[in-house]
Structures are given as C-alpha cells and as structure tokens.
Amino acid sequence: MKKIENKYDRMITFSKRISGIYKKASKLVTLPRGDIAIVVFSPSGKPYSFGHPSIEAVANHFLGLDQPPNDNNHPLFEV
C-alpha cells in the first residue's frame, strides 16, 4: 500500500474511506441479528466509532457479558 506523505491529502483520503466504511456498516445492521461495532483512529489520533445498537452493547455481547446464566437459546459461535 502506498503511503500518502502529504498531511492534507492523507486526511482527505481518510474522510472518504471512513464515509465508505460507515455506509457499509449501516447496510450490515439491516441483516437479521446484524450488530456491528467499528472504532477507527484518524491519522491525527482522533477516534471515530459506529455501533449498532451501540458500541457498548456489541462489546458486551462479544465478551459474553450480556447473556444470563444457563441461557442456551442464543449460543455464541466462533467462526
């Protein structure tokens, strides 16, 4: 991958790409059980995030913190 040396050009490219990532993420959440979380840091270090239903809900689900004990109705599968 080619490194973009010019700081202004790098920020423009980042803005375009983050917009595309957000569009794809919003399409993915329309799928059944489509929960998604994205955290991206800009070249300047500023964090950008997208989460559905929220970043916290997806993180808790991923870590297994949202399931009641002995709940076998929705088992987690690792792919």
N, C-alpha and C. Protein backbone atom coordinates (compact mmCIF):
# COMPACT_ATOMS: atom_id res chain seq x y z
N MET A 1 0.85 -1.17 0.00
CA MET A 1 0.00 0.00 0.00
C MET A 1 0.90 1.24 0.00
N LYS A 2 0.54 2.18 -0.82
CA LYS A 2 1.30 3.41 -0.95
C LYS A 2 1.01 4.34 0.23
N LYS A 3 2.05 4.87 0.83
CA LYS A 3 1.88 5.81 1.94
C LYS A 3 1.65 7.21 1.38
N ILE A 4 0.66 7.89 1.92
CA ILE A 4 0.35 9.26 1.49
C ILE A 4 1.15 10.20 2.38
N GLU A 5 2.11 10.88 1.80
CA GLU A 5 3.03 11.74 2.56
C GLU A 5 2.40 13.07 2.97
N ASN A 6 1.63 13.68 2.06
CA ASN A 6 1.03 14.99 2.32
C ASN A 6 -0.08 14.85 3.36
N LYS A 7 0.04 15.61 4.46
CA LYS A 7 -0.91 15.52 5.57
C LYS A 7 -2.34 15.85 5.14
N TYR A 8 -2.51 16.87 4.33
CA TYR A 8 -3.83 17.27 3.85
C TYR A 8 -4.45 16.17 3.00
N ASP A 9 -3.68 15.62 2.07
CA ASP A 9 -4.18 14.54 1.21
C ASP A 9 -4.53 13.30 2.04
N ARG A 10 -3.74 13.03 3.07
CA ARG A 10 -3.99 11.88 3.94
C ARG A 10 -5.32 12.04 4.67
N MET A 11 -5.62 13.25 5.15
CA MET A 11 -6.88 13.50 5.85
C MET A 11 -8.08 13.41 4.89
N ILE A 12 -7.92 13.89 3.67
CA ILE A 12 -8.99 13.80 2.67
C ILE A 12 -9.28 12.33 2.36
N THR A 13 -8.23 11.55 2.15
CA THR A 13 -8.40 10.12 1.87
C THR A 13 -9.05 9.42 3.04
N PHE A 14 -8.65 9.75 4.26
CA PHE A 14 -9.25 9.15 5.45
C PHE A 14 -10.74 9.48 5.51
N SER A 15 -11.10 10.73 5.27
CA SER A 15 -12.50 11.15 5.32
C SER A 15 -13.35 10.38 4.32
N LYS A 16 -12.83 10.19 3.12
CA LYS A 16 -13.57 9.44 2.10
C LYS A 16 -13.72 7.98 2.50
N ARG A 17 -12.66 7.40 3.02
CA ARG A 17 -12.71 5.98 3.39
C ARG A 17 -13.60 5.73 4.59
N ILE A 18 -13.56 6.60 5.59
CA ILE A 18 -14.39 6.40 6.78
C ILE A 18 -15.86 6.53 6.40
N SER A 19 -16.16 7.41 5.47
CA SER A 19 -17.54 7.56 4.99
C SER A 19 -18.01 6.26 4.34
N GLY A 20 -17.16 5.66 3.53
CA GLY A 20 -17.50 4.40 2.88
C GLY A 20 -17.67 3.27 3.88
N ILE A 21 -16.84 3.24 4.90
CA ILE A 21 -16.94 2.21 5.94
C ILE A 21 -18.25 2.36 6.69
N TYR A 22 -18.63 3.58 7.03
CA TYR A 22 -19.90 3.82 7.73
C TYR A 22 -21.09 3.39 6.87
N LYS A 23 -21.04 3.66 5.57
CA LYS A 23 -22.13 3.25 4.69
C LYS A 23 -22.27 1.74 4.67
N LYS A 24 -21.15 1.03 4.57
CA LYS A 24 -21.19 -0.44 4.57
C LYS A 24 -21.70 -0.97 5.90
N ALA A 25 -21.28 -0.37 7.00
CA ALA A 25 -21.72 -0.81 8.33
C ALA A 25 -23.21 -0.61 8.49
N SER A 26 -23.75 0.51 8.00
CA SER A 26 -25.19 0.74 8.15
C SER A 26 -26.00 -0.22 7.28
N LYS A 27 -25.43 -0.72 6.21
CA LYS A 27 -26.11 -1.75 5.42
C LYS A 27 -26.08 -3.09 6.15
N LEU A 28 -24.97 -3.40 6.80
CA LEU A 28 -24.84 -4.67 7.51
C LEU A 28 -25.83 -4.80 8.67
N VAL A 29 -26.14 -3.71 9.35
CA VAL A 29 -27.03 -3.80 10.50
C VAL A 29 -28.47 -4.09 10.09
N THR A 30 -28.79 -3.98 8.82
CA THR A 30 -30.15 -4.32 8.38
C THR A 30 -30.35 -5.83 8.30
N LEU A 31 -29.28 -6.60 8.33
CA LEU A 31 -29.40 -8.05 8.32
C LEU A 31 -29.93 -8.54 9.66
N PRO A 32 -30.61 -9.68 9.68
CA PRO A 32 -31.08 -10.21 10.95
C PRO A 32 -29.90 -10.44 11.91
N ARG A 33 -30.08 -10.02 13.14
CA ARG A 33 -29.04 -10.11 14.17
C ARG A 33 -27.78 -9.37 13.74
N GLY A 34 -27.96 -8.29 13.00
CA GLY A 34 -26.83 -7.53 12.50
C GLY A 34 -26.34 -6.48 13.48
N ASP A 35 -25.57 -6.91 14.46
CA ASP A 35 -24.95 -5.98 15.40
C ASP A 35 -23.51 -5.75 14.94
N ILE A 36 -23.08 -4.51 14.99
CA ILE A 36 -21.74 -4.19 14.50
C ILE A 36 -21.14 -3.05 15.30
N ALA A 37 -19.83 -3.11 15.48
CA ALA A 37 -19.09 -2.03 16.14
C ALA A 37 -17.80 -1.79 15.38
N ILE A 38 -17.52 -0.53 15.14
CA ILE A 38 -16.30 -0.13 14.44
C ILE A 38 -15.67 1.01 15.21
N VAL A 39 -14.37 0.90 15.46
CA VAL A 39 -13.61 2.01 16.04
C VAL A 39 -12.39 2.22 15.15
N VAL A 40 -12.25 3.43 14.65
CA VAL A 40 -11.16 3.78 13.75
C VAL A 40 -10.51 5.05 14.28
N PHE A 41 -9.18 5.10 14.20
CA PHE A 41 -8.44 6.29 14.61
C PHE A 41 -7.92 7.01 13.38
N SER A 42 -8.15 8.31 13.32
CA SER A 42 -7.68 9.11 12.20
C SER A 42 -6.15 9.23 12.27
N PRO A 43 -5.53 9.72 11.19
CA PRO A 43 -4.09 9.92 11.22
C PRO A 43 -3.63 10.85 12.35
N SER A 44 -4.53 11.72 12.80
CA SER A 44 -4.16 12.63 13.89
C SER A 44 -4.44 12.02 15.26
N GLY A 45 -5.03 10.80 15.28
CA GLY A 45 -5.28 10.12 16.54
C GLY A 45 -6.68 10.29 17.09
N LYS A 46 -7.54 11.00 16.37
CA LYS A 46 -8.92 11.21 16.83
C LYS A 46 -9.73 9.94 16.57
N PRO A 47 -10.46 9.44 17.60
CA PRO A 47 -11.24 8.22 17.39
C PRO A 47 -12.59 8.50 16.73
N TYR A 48 -13.00 7.60 15.84
CA TYR A 48 -14.30 7.63 15.20
C TYR A 48 -14.93 6.27 15.47
N SER A 49 -16.22 6.26 15.83
CA SER A 49 -16.85 4.98 16.13
C SER A 49 -18.25 4.91 15.55
N PHE A 50 -18.67 3.69 15.32
CA PHE A 50 -20.02 3.40 14.85
C PHE A 50 -20.44 2.13 15.55
N GLY A 51 -21.63 2.10 16.12
CA GLY A 51 -22.10 0.89 16.77
C GLY A 51 -23.60 0.76 16.66
N HIS A 52 -24.04 -0.47 16.43
CA HIS A 52 -25.48 -0.73 16.41
C HIS A 52 -25.74 -2.02 17.15
N PRO A 53 -26.48 -2.04 18.20
CA PRO A 53 -27.27 -0.95 18.74
C PRO A 53 -26.40 0.11 19.42
N SER A 54 -25.24 -0.27 19.95
CA SER A 54 -24.27 0.69 20.48
C SER A 54 -22.93 -0.02 20.58
N ILE A 55 -21.86 0.75 20.71
CA ILE A 55 -20.53 0.16 20.87
C ILE A 55 -20.51 -0.71 22.13
N GLU A 56 -21.08 -0.20 23.22
CA GLU A 56 -21.07 -0.91 24.49
C GLU A 56 -21.83 -2.23 24.40
N ALA A 57 -23.00 -2.22 23.75
CA ALA A 57 -23.81 -3.43 23.62
C ALA A 57 -23.07 -4.50 22.82
N VAL A 58 -22.43 -4.10 21.73
CA VAL A 58 -21.71 -5.06 20.90
C VAL A 58 -20.49 -5.60 21.66
N ALA A 59 -19.77 -4.73 22.36
CA ALA A 59 -18.61 -5.18 23.13
C ALA A 59 -19.04 -6.14 24.23
N ASN A 60 -20.12 -5.83 24.93
CA ASN A 60 -20.61 -6.73 25.98
C ASN A 60 -21.04 -8.07 25.40
N HIS A 61 -21.67 -8.05 24.25
CA HIS A 61 -22.08 -9.29 23.59
C HIS A 61 -20.85 -10.11 23.21
N PHE A 62 -19.85 -9.45 22.65
CA PHE A 62 -18.61 -10.12 22.24
C PHE A 62 -17.89 -10.74 23.43
N LEU A 63 -17.90 -10.03 24.55
CA LEU A 63 -17.23 -10.52 25.76
C LEU A 63 -18.09 -11.50 26.56
N GLY A 64 -19.34 -11.69 26.13
CA GLY A 64 -20.22 -12.62 26.82
C GLY A 64 -20.81 -12.07 28.10
N LEU A 65 -20.83 -10.75 28.24
CA LEU A 65 -21.33 -10.13 29.46
C LEU A 65 -22.83 -9.88 29.43
N ASP A 66 -23.48 -10.08 28.27
CA ASP A 66 -24.90 -9.77 28.17
C ASP A 66 -25.80 -10.98 28.28
N GLN A 67 -25.25 -12.18 28.40
CA GLN A 67 -26.08 -13.37 28.46
C GLN A 67 -26.37 -13.77 29.89
N PRO A 68 -27.64 -14.07 30.19
CA PRO A 68 -27.95 -14.58 31.52
C PRO A 68 -27.36 -15.98 31.68
N PRO A 69 -27.07 -16.41 32.90
CA PRO A 69 -26.51 -17.75 33.10
C PRO A 69 -27.47 -18.83 32.59
N ASN A 70 -26.91 -19.90 32.02
CA ASN A 70 -27.66 -21.06 31.52
C ASN A 70 -28.65 -20.71 30.41
N ASP A 71 -28.37 -19.67 29.66
CA ASP A 71 -29.23 -19.30 28.54
C ASP A 71 -28.69 -20.00 27.29
N ASN A 72 -29.37 -21.03 26.84
CA ASN A 72 -28.93 -21.78 25.67
C ASN A 72 -29.75 -21.43 24.43
N ASN A 73 -30.60 -20.43 24.52
CA ASN A 73 -31.42 -20.05 23.38
C ASN A 73 -30.61 -19.40 22.27
N HIS A 74 -29.56 -18.66 22.62
CA HIS A 74 -28.74 -17.97 21.64
C HIS A 74 -27.27 -18.25 21.91
N PRO A 75 -26.81 -19.47 21.62
CA PRO A 75 -25.40 -19.76 21.88
C PRO A 75 -24.49 -18.97 20.95
N LEU A 76 -23.32 -18.64 21.44
CA LEU A 76 -22.33 -17.93 20.62
C LEU A 76 -21.52 -18.95 19.82
N PHE A 77 -21.28 -18.65 18.57
CA PHE A 77 -20.47 -19.50 17.73
C PHE A 77 -19.24 -18.72 17.30
N GLU A 78 -18.09 -19.39 17.31
CA GLU A 78 -16.87 -18.74 16.86
C GLU A 78 -16.61 -19.20 15.45
N VAL A 79 -16.38 -18.24 14.55
CA VAL A 79 -16.10 -18.57 13.16
C VAL A 79 -14.73 -18.15 12.77
